[in-house]
Amino acid sequence: MTAARLVLRFPDLRESEARELANSVGDEATILSAKPRPAGGYGDLGTRDVAVVVTARALRAVARYLAARYPSHGELVSVAVAIDEPGGSCHPQVLSYRSAPGQSAVEAAAGALRMLPSVSQALDSSLW
């Protein structure tokens, strides 16, 4: 990940979910080191964080991933994220969305992602 860009970090995903998110986002995503599995555990118990550099393409891919994994259908969806600022600070956040009647879960998730602190500014500055 580049230190000059805003990064969204999705913490504590199961290994399979982390791979799915990273594969759907592409080059803007990195799976961070694994967290230890519980003693005596087996299967897909390890968790990983996925860091996503904020770009318009990456946010569309994240919105599609979130909508597939957590379709809101009018219900509130809340997902833990962290915002890693270019200066090194990290701000834990909760991404929440609910699709309105006639709105897809992808649109609701994309709107919520853009409303996270610093995301709109990062997108605006990346266009120039």
N, C-alpha and C. Protein backbone atom coordinates (compact mmCIF):
# COMPACT_ATOMS: atom_id res chain seq x y z
N MET A 1 0.84 -1.17 0.00
CA MET A 1 0.00 0.00 0.00
C MET A 1 0.89 1.23 0.00
N THR A 2 0.48 2.22 -0.70
CA THR A 2 1.25 3.44 -0.76
C THR A 2 0.86 4.38 0.37
N ALA A 3 1.84 5.01 1.00
CA ALA A 3 1.58 5.87 2.14
C ALA A 3 0.93 7.19 1.73
N ALA A 4 0.94 7.54 0.45
CA ALA A 4 0.41 8.81 -0.02
C ALA A 4 -1.07 8.73 -0.34
N ARG A 5 -1.71 7.60 -0.14
CA ARG A 5 -3.12 7.42 -0.49
C ARG A 5 -3.94 7.02 0.73
N LEU A 6 -5.21 7.38 0.71
CA LEU A 6 -6.13 6.96 1.75
C LEU A 6 -6.43 5.48 1.57
N VAL A 7 -6.48 4.75 2.67
CA VAL A 7 -6.71 3.30 2.63
C VAL A 7 -7.85 2.95 3.56
N LEU A 8 -8.78 2.12 3.07
CA LEU A 8 -9.81 1.53 3.91
C LEU A 8 -9.35 0.14 4.29
N ARG A 9 -9.42 -0.16 5.58
CA ARG A 9 -9.01 -1.47 6.04
C ARG A 9 -10.23 -2.19 6.60
N PHE A 10 -10.45 -3.40 6.12
CA PHE A 10 -11.55 -4.24 6.57
C PHE A 10 -10.95 -5.31 7.49
N PRO A 11 -11.15 -5.17 8.80
CA PRO A 11 -10.48 -6.05 9.76
C PRO A 11 -11.23 -7.36 10.01
N ASP A 12 -10.47 -8.33 10.44
CA ASP A 12 -10.98 -9.59 10.97
C ASP A 12 -11.90 -10.36 10.03
N LEU A 13 -11.54 -10.39 8.74
CA LEU A 13 -12.28 -11.20 7.79
C LEU A 13 -11.75 -12.62 7.83
N ARG A 14 -12.64 -13.58 7.65
CA ARG A 14 -12.17 -14.96 7.51
C ARG A 14 -11.27 -15.00 6.27
N GLU A 15 -10.37 -15.95 6.25
CA GLU A 15 -9.39 -16.02 5.16
C GLU A 15 -10.08 -16.09 3.80
N SER A 16 -11.13 -16.87 3.68
CA SER A 16 -11.84 -16.99 2.41
C SER A 16 -12.51 -15.68 2.02
N GLU A 17 -13.08 -14.96 2.99
CA GLU A 17 -13.69 -13.66 2.71
C GLU A 17 -12.63 -12.64 2.28
N ALA A 18 -11.48 -12.68 2.94
CA ALA A 18 -10.39 -11.76 2.60
C ALA A 18 -9.94 -11.99 1.15
N ARG A 19 -9.80 -13.26 0.78
CA ARG A 19 -9.40 -13.56 -0.61
C ARG A 19 -10.46 -13.10 -1.59
N GLU A 20 -11.73 -13.32 -1.25
CA GLU A 20 -12.82 -12.91 -2.14
C GLU A 20 -12.82 -11.39 -2.33
N LEU A 21 -12.68 -10.64 -1.25
CA LEU A 21 -12.65 -9.19 -1.35
C LEU A 21 -11.45 -8.72 -2.14
N ALA A 22 -10.28 -9.23 -1.82
CA ALA A 22 -9.06 -8.82 -2.53
C ALA A 22 -9.13 -9.16 -4.01
N ASN A 23 -9.65 -10.33 -4.35
CA ASN A 23 -9.77 -10.71 -5.75
C ASN A 23 -10.76 -9.82 -6.50
N SER A 24 -11.84 -9.44 -5.84
CA SER A 24 -12.83 -8.61 -6.52
C SER A 24 -12.34 -7.17 -6.71
N VAL A 25 -11.51 -6.69 -5.79
CA VAL A 25 -10.99 -5.33 -5.90
C VAL A 25 -9.81 -5.28 -6.87
N GLY A 26 -8.93 -6.25 -6.82
CA GLY A 26 -7.78 -6.27 -7.73
C GLY A 26 -6.55 -5.63 -7.13
N ASP A 27 -5.81 -4.90 -7.97
CA ASP A 27 -4.51 -4.35 -7.58
C ASP A 27 -4.56 -3.36 -6.42
N GLU A 28 -5.72 -2.74 -6.18
CA GLU A 28 -5.81 -1.76 -5.11
C GLU A 28 -5.97 -2.41 -3.73
N ALA A 29 -6.04 -3.73 -3.67
CA ALA A 29 -6.26 -4.42 -2.39
C ALA A 29 -5.06 -5.28 -2.02
N THR A 30 -4.80 -5.35 -0.72
CA THR A 30 -3.73 -6.19 -0.19
C THR A 30 -4.27 -6.92 1.04
N ILE A 31 -4.02 -8.22 1.09
CA ILE A 31 -4.37 -8.98 2.29
C ILE A 31 -3.20 -8.86 3.25
N LEU A 32 -3.49 -8.40 4.46
CA LEU A 32 -2.44 -8.21 5.45
C LEU A 32 -2.22 -9.50 6.22
N SER A 33 -1.19 -9.55 7.02
CA SER A 33 -0.77 -10.78 7.68
C SER A 33 -1.90 -11.43 8.48
N ALA A 34 -1.84 -12.74 8.55
CA ALA A 34 -2.86 -13.52 9.24
C ALA A 34 -2.76 -13.33 10.74
N LYS A 35 -3.91 -13.35 11.38
CA LYS A 35 -3.96 -13.35 12.83
C LYS A 35 -4.04 -14.80 13.26
N PRO A 36 -3.46 -15.15 14.38
CA PRO A 36 -3.39 -16.56 14.78
C PRO A 36 -4.77 -17.20 14.96
N ARG A 37 -4.82 -18.48 14.60
CA ARG A 37 -6.04 -19.26 14.81
C ARG A 37 -6.15 -19.61 16.28
N PRO A 38 -7.36 -19.81 16.76
CA PRO A 38 -7.51 -20.23 18.16
C PRO A 38 -6.89 -21.61 18.38
N ALA A 39 -6.37 -21.84 19.56
CA ALA A 39 -5.76 -23.13 19.88
C ALA A 39 -6.80 -24.24 19.72
N GLY A 40 -6.42 -25.29 19.02
CA GLY A 40 -7.32 -26.42 18.81
C GLY A 40 -8.31 -26.23 17.69
N GLY A 41 -8.28 -25.06 17.03
CA GLY A 41 -9.23 -24.80 15.95
C GLY A 41 -8.76 -25.41 14.64
N TYR A 42 -9.69 -25.59 13.74
CA TYR A 42 -9.37 -26.11 12.42
C TYR A 42 -10.33 -25.49 11.42
N GLY A 43 -10.03 -25.63 10.17
CA GLY A 43 -10.88 -25.05 9.13
C GLY A 43 -10.52 -23.60 8.89
N ASP A 44 -11.48 -22.83 8.44
CA ASP A 44 -11.29 -21.42 8.06
C ASP A 44 -11.49 -20.52 9.27
N LEU A 45 -10.62 -20.67 10.29
CA LEU A 45 -10.78 -19.91 11.52
C LEU A 45 -9.84 -18.72 11.62
N GLY A 46 -8.80 -18.67 10.81
CA GLY A 46 -7.87 -17.56 10.85
C GLY A 46 -8.51 -16.31 10.26
N THR A 47 -8.15 -15.15 10.78
CA THR A 47 -8.69 -13.91 10.22
C THR A 47 -7.56 -13.06 9.66
N ARG A 48 -7.93 -12.23 8.73
CA ARG A 48 -6.99 -11.33 8.08
C ARG A 48 -7.67 -9.98 7.88
N ASP A 49 -6.85 -8.96 7.73
CA ASP A 49 -7.35 -7.65 7.35
C ASP A 49 -7.09 -7.47 5.86
N VAL A 50 -7.97 -6.74 5.21
CA VAL A 50 -7.77 -6.39 3.81
C VAL A 50 -7.69 -4.87 3.72
N ALA A 51 -6.62 -4.38 3.14
CA ALA A 51 -6.42 -2.94 2.94
C ALA A 51 -6.72 -2.61 1.49
N VAL A 52 -7.57 -1.59 1.29
CA VAL A 52 -7.99 -1.19 -0.05
C VAL A 52 -7.65 0.28 -0.25
N VAL A 53 -6.83 0.58 -1.25
CA VAL A 53 -6.52 1.97 -1.60
C VAL A 53 -7.78 2.58 -2.19
N VAL A 54 -8.15 3.77 -1.72
CA VAL A 54 -9.40 4.40 -2.15
C VAL A 54 -9.25 4.96 -3.57
N THR A 55 -9.94 4.31 -4.49
CA THR A 55 -10.12 4.79 -5.86
C THR A 55 -11.57 4.54 -6.22
N ALA A 56 -12.06 5.19 -7.26
CA ALA A 56 -13.45 5.00 -7.67
C ALA A 56 -13.70 3.54 -8.05
N ARG A 57 -12.79 2.94 -8.78
CA ARG A 57 -12.95 1.55 -9.20
C ARG A 57 -12.94 0.61 -8.00
N ALA A 58 -12.04 0.85 -7.07
CA ALA A 58 -11.95 0.00 -5.88
C ALA A 58 -13.22 0.10 -5.04
N LEU A 59 -13.76 1.32 -4.88
CA LEU A 59 -14.97 1.47 -4.09
C LEU A 59 -16.17 0.79 -4.74
N ARG A 60 -16.25 0.83 -6.07
CA ARG A 60 -17.34 0.10 -6.76
C ARG A 60 -17.22 -1.40 -6.50
N ALA A 61 -16.00 -1.92 -6.55
CA ALA A 61 -15.79 -3.35 -6.29
C ALA A 61 -16.12 -3.70 -4.84
N VAL A 62 -15.74 -2.85 -3.90
CA VAL A 62 -16.05 -3.09 -2.49
C VAL A 62 -17.57 -3.05 -2.29
N ALA A 63 -18.25 -2.10 -2.92
CA ALA A 63 -19.71 -2.00 -2.80
C ALA A 63 -20.38 -3.26 -3.33
N ARG A 64 -19.90 -3.79 -4.45
CA ARG A 64 -20.47 -5.04 -4.99
C ARG A 64 -20.22 -6.21 -4.03
N TYR A 65 -19.02 -6.26 -3.46
CA TYR A 65 -18.69 -7.32 -2.49
C TYR A 65 -19.62 -7.22 -1.28
N LEU A 66 -19.75 -6.01 -0.72
CA LEU A 66 -20.59 -5.83 0.46
C LEU A 66 -22.05 -6.18 0.17
N ALA A 67 -22.55 -5.76 -0.98
CA ALA A 67 -23.95 -6.03 -1.32
C ALA A 67 -24.19 -7.53 -1.49
N ALA A 68 -23.22 -8.23 -2.04
CA ALA A 68 -23.36 -9.69 -2.20
C ALA A 68 -23.28 -10.40 -0.85
N ARG A 69 -22.38 -9.94 0.01
CA ARG A 69 -22.17 -10.59 1.30
C ARG A 69 -23.24 -10.18 2.31
N TYR A 70 -23.65 -8.90 2.27
CA TYR A 70 -24.61 -8.37 3.23
C TYR A 70 -25.73 -7.62 2.51
N PRO A 71 -26.61 -8.32 1.80
CA PRO A 71 -27.70 -7.61 1.11
C PRO A 71 -28.64 -7.00 2.15
N SER A 72 -28.92 -5.72 2.04
CA SER A 72 -29.66 -5.06 3.10
C SER A 72 -31.17 -5.27 2.99
N HIS A 73 -31.73 -5.25 1.81
CA HIS A 73 -33.18 -5.41 1.61
C HIS A 73 -33.97 -4.62 2.65
N GLY A 74 -33.58 -3.37 2.85
CA GLY A 74 -34.28 -2.50 3.79
C GLY A 74 -33.81 -2.62 5.22
N GLU A 75 -32.93 -3.57 5.52
CA GLU A 75 -32.42 -3.74 6.87
C GLU A 75 -31.07 -3.05 7.00
N LEU A 76 -30.77 -2.58 8.19
CA LEU A 76 -29.51 -1.89 8.43
C LEU A 76 -28.36 -2.88 8.46
N VAL A 77 -27.32 -2.58 7.69
CA VAL A 77 -26.10 -3.38 7.66
C VAL A 77 -25.00 -2.53 8.28
N SER A 78 -24.22 -3.09 9.19
CA SER A 78 -23.10 -2.39 9.80
C SER A 78 -21.85 -3.26 9.69
N VAL A 79 -20.78 -2.65 9.18
CA VAL A 79 -19.52 -3.36 8.97
C VAL A 79 -18.39 -2.52 9.56
N ALA A 80 -17.52 -3.15 10.33
CA ALA A 80 -16.37 -2.44 10.91
C ALA A 80 -15.34 -2.18 9.82
N VAL A 81 -14.84 -0.95 9.76
CA VAL A 81 -13.75 -0.57 8.85
C VAL A 81 -12.81 0.35 9.63
N ALA A 82 -11.64 0.55 9.09
CA ALA A 82 -10.71 1.53 9.63
C ALA A 82 -10.21 2.37 8.47
N ILE A 83 -10.03 3.64 8.71
CA ILE A 83 -9.51 4.55 7.69
C ILE A 83 -8.07 4.86 8.05
N ASP A 84 -7.16 4.47 7.17
CA ASP A 84 -5.74 4.75 7.35
C ASP A 84 -5.41 5.99 6.52
N GLU A 85 -5.12 7.08 7.21
CA GLU A 85 -4.81 8.35 6.55
C GLU A 85 -3.39 8.32 5.99
N PRO A 86 -3.12 9.11 4.95
CA PRO A 86 -1.76 9.15 4.39
C PRO A 86 -0.70 9.55 5.42
N GLY A 87 -1.06 10.34 6.41
CA GLY A 87 -0.11 10.77 7.43
C GLY A 87 0.21 9.71 8.48
N GLY A 88 -0.49 8.57 8.44
CA GLY A 88 -0.20 7.49 9.36
C GLY A 88 -1.25 7.28 10.44
N SER A 89 -2.20 8.20 10.58
CA SER A 89 -3.21 7.99 11.61
C SER A 89 -4.27 7.00 11.12
N CYS A 90 -4.89 6.33 12.08
CA CYS A 90 -5.90 5.32 11.79
C CYS A 90 -7.15 5.64 12.58
N HIS A 91 -8.31 5.61 11.91
CA HIS A 91 -9.58 5.94 12.56
C HIS A 91 -10.56 4.79 12.37
N PRO A 92 -10.88 4.07 13.43
CA PRO A 92 -11.90 3.02 13.32
C PRO A 92 -13.26 3.65 13.04
N GLN A 93 -14.03 3.04 12.18
CA GLN A 93 -15.35 3.53 11.80
C GLN A 93 -16.29 2.34 11.68
N VAL A 94 -17.58 2.64 11.62
CA VAL A 94 -18.58 1.64 11.31
C VAL A 94 -19.28 2.10 10.04
N LEU A 95 -19.19 1.28 9.01
CA LEU A 95 -19.87 1.56 7.75
C LEU A 95 -21.28 1.00 7.88
N SER A 96 -22.28 1.87 7.77
CA SER A 96 -23.67 1.43 7.89
C SER A 96 -24.44 1.87 6.66
N TYR A 97 -25.29 0.99 6.19
CA TYR A 97 -26.16 1.34 5.06
C TYR A 97 -27.44 0.53 5.12
N ARG A 98 -28.45 1.07 4.45
CA ARG A 98 -29.74 0.42 4.32
C ARG A 98 -30.27 0.83 2.95
N SER A 99 -30.65 -0.13 2.14
CA SER A 99 -31.17 0.22 0.83
C SER A 99 -32.60 0.71 0.95
N ALA A 100 -32.86 1.83 0.30
CA ALA A 100 -34.20 2.41 0.28
C ALA A 100 -35.04 1.67 -0.76
N PRO A 101 -36.36 1.81 -0.71
CA PRO A 101 -37.19 1.17 -1.74
C PRO A 101 -36.75 1.63 -3.13
N GLY A 102 -36.56 0.67 -4.02
CA GLY A 102 -36.12 0.98 -5.38
C GLY A 102 -34.63 1.18 -5.53
N GLN A 103 -33.88 1.07 -4.45
CA GLN A 103 -32.42 1.25 -4.48
C GLN A 103 -31.76 -0.10 -4.28
N SER A 104 -30.73 -0.37 -5.06
CA SER A 104 -30.02 -1.64 -4.90
C SER A 104 -29.09 -1.56 -3.69
N ALA A 105 -28.74 -2.72 -3.17
CA ALA A 105 -27.80 -2.78 -2.05
C ALA A 105 -26.43 -2.25 -2.48
N VAL A 106 -26.08 -2.43 -3.75
CA VAL A 106 -24.80 -1.92 -4.27
C VAL A 106 -24.79 -0.39 -4.19
N GLU A 107 -25.89 0.24 -4.61
CA GLU A 107 -25.97 1.70 -4.55
C GLU A 107 -25.91 2.20 -3.11
N ALA A 108 -26.61 1.50 -2.22
CA ALA A 108 -26.60 1.90 -0.81
C ALA A 108 -25.20 1.76 -0.21
N ALA A 109 -24.53 0.66 -0.50
CA ALA A 109 -23.18 0.44 0.02
C ALA A 109 -22.20 1.47 -0.56
N ALA A 110 -22.31 1.75 -1.86
CA ALA A 110 -21.42 2.74 -2.49
C ALA A 110 -21.63 4.12 -1.88
N GLY A 111 -22.87 4.49 -1.63
CA GLY A 111 -23.15 5.78 -1.01
C GLY A 111 -22.57 5.87 0.39
N ALA A 112 -22.70 4.79 1.15
CA ALA A 112 -22.16 4.77 2.51
C ALA A 112 -20.64 4.84 2.51
N LEU A 113 -20.01 4.16 1.56
CA LEU A 113 -18.54 4.21 1.46
C LEU A 113 -18.08 5.64 1.17
N ARG A 114 -18.78 6.34 0.29
CA ARG A 114 -18.40 7.71 -0.05
C ARG A 114 -18.60 8.67 1.12
N MET A 115 -19.50 8.31 2.05
CA MET A 115 -19.78 9.18 3.19
C MET A 115 -18.79 9.00 4.34
N LEU A 116 -17.94 7.98 4.27
CA LEU A 116 -16.93 7.82 5.31
C LEU A 116 -15.98 9.02 5.30
N PRO A 117 -15.48 9.41 6.47
CA PRO A 117 -14.59 10.58 6.53
C PRO A 117 -13.40 10.45 5.58
N SER A 118 -13.12 11.52 4.87
CA SER A 118 -11.97 11.67 3.96
C SER A 118 -12.11 10.92 2.64
N VAL A 119 -13.10 10.06 2.46
CA VAL A 119 -13.20 9.28 1.23
C VAL A 119 -13.55 10.17 0.04
N SER A 120 -14.55 11.04 0.18
CA SER A 120 -14.93 11.92 -0.94
C SER A 120 -13.77 12.81 -1.36
N GLN A 121 -13.03 13.35 -0.36
CA GLN A 121 -11.89 14.20 -0.68
C GLN A 121 -10.81 13.41 -1.41
N ALA A 122 -10.58 12.17 -0.99
CA ALA A 122 -9.57 11.32 -1.65
C ALA A 122 -9.98 11.04 -3.08
N LEU A 123 -11.26 10.78 -3.30
CA LEU A 123 -11.72 10.54 -4.67
C LEU A 123 -11.60 11.78 -5.53
N ASP A 124 -11.98 12.93 -4.97
CA ASP A 124 -11.87 14.20 -5.72
C ASP A 124 -10.43 14.49 -6.10
N SER A 125 -9.51 14.29 -5.17
CA SER A 125 -8.11 14.61 -5.46
C SER A 125 -7.49 13.60 -6.42
N SER A 126 -8.02 12.38 -6.49
CA SER A 126 -7.44 11.40 -7.39
C SER A 126 -7.87 11.63 -8.84
N LEU A 127 -8.90 12.45 -9.04
CA LEU A 127 -9.36 12.73 -10.40
C LEU A 127 -8.44 13.70 -11.13
N TRP A 128 -7.63 14.43 -10.38
CA TRP A 128 -6.78 15.45 -11.02
C TRP A 128 -5.42 14.96 -11.20
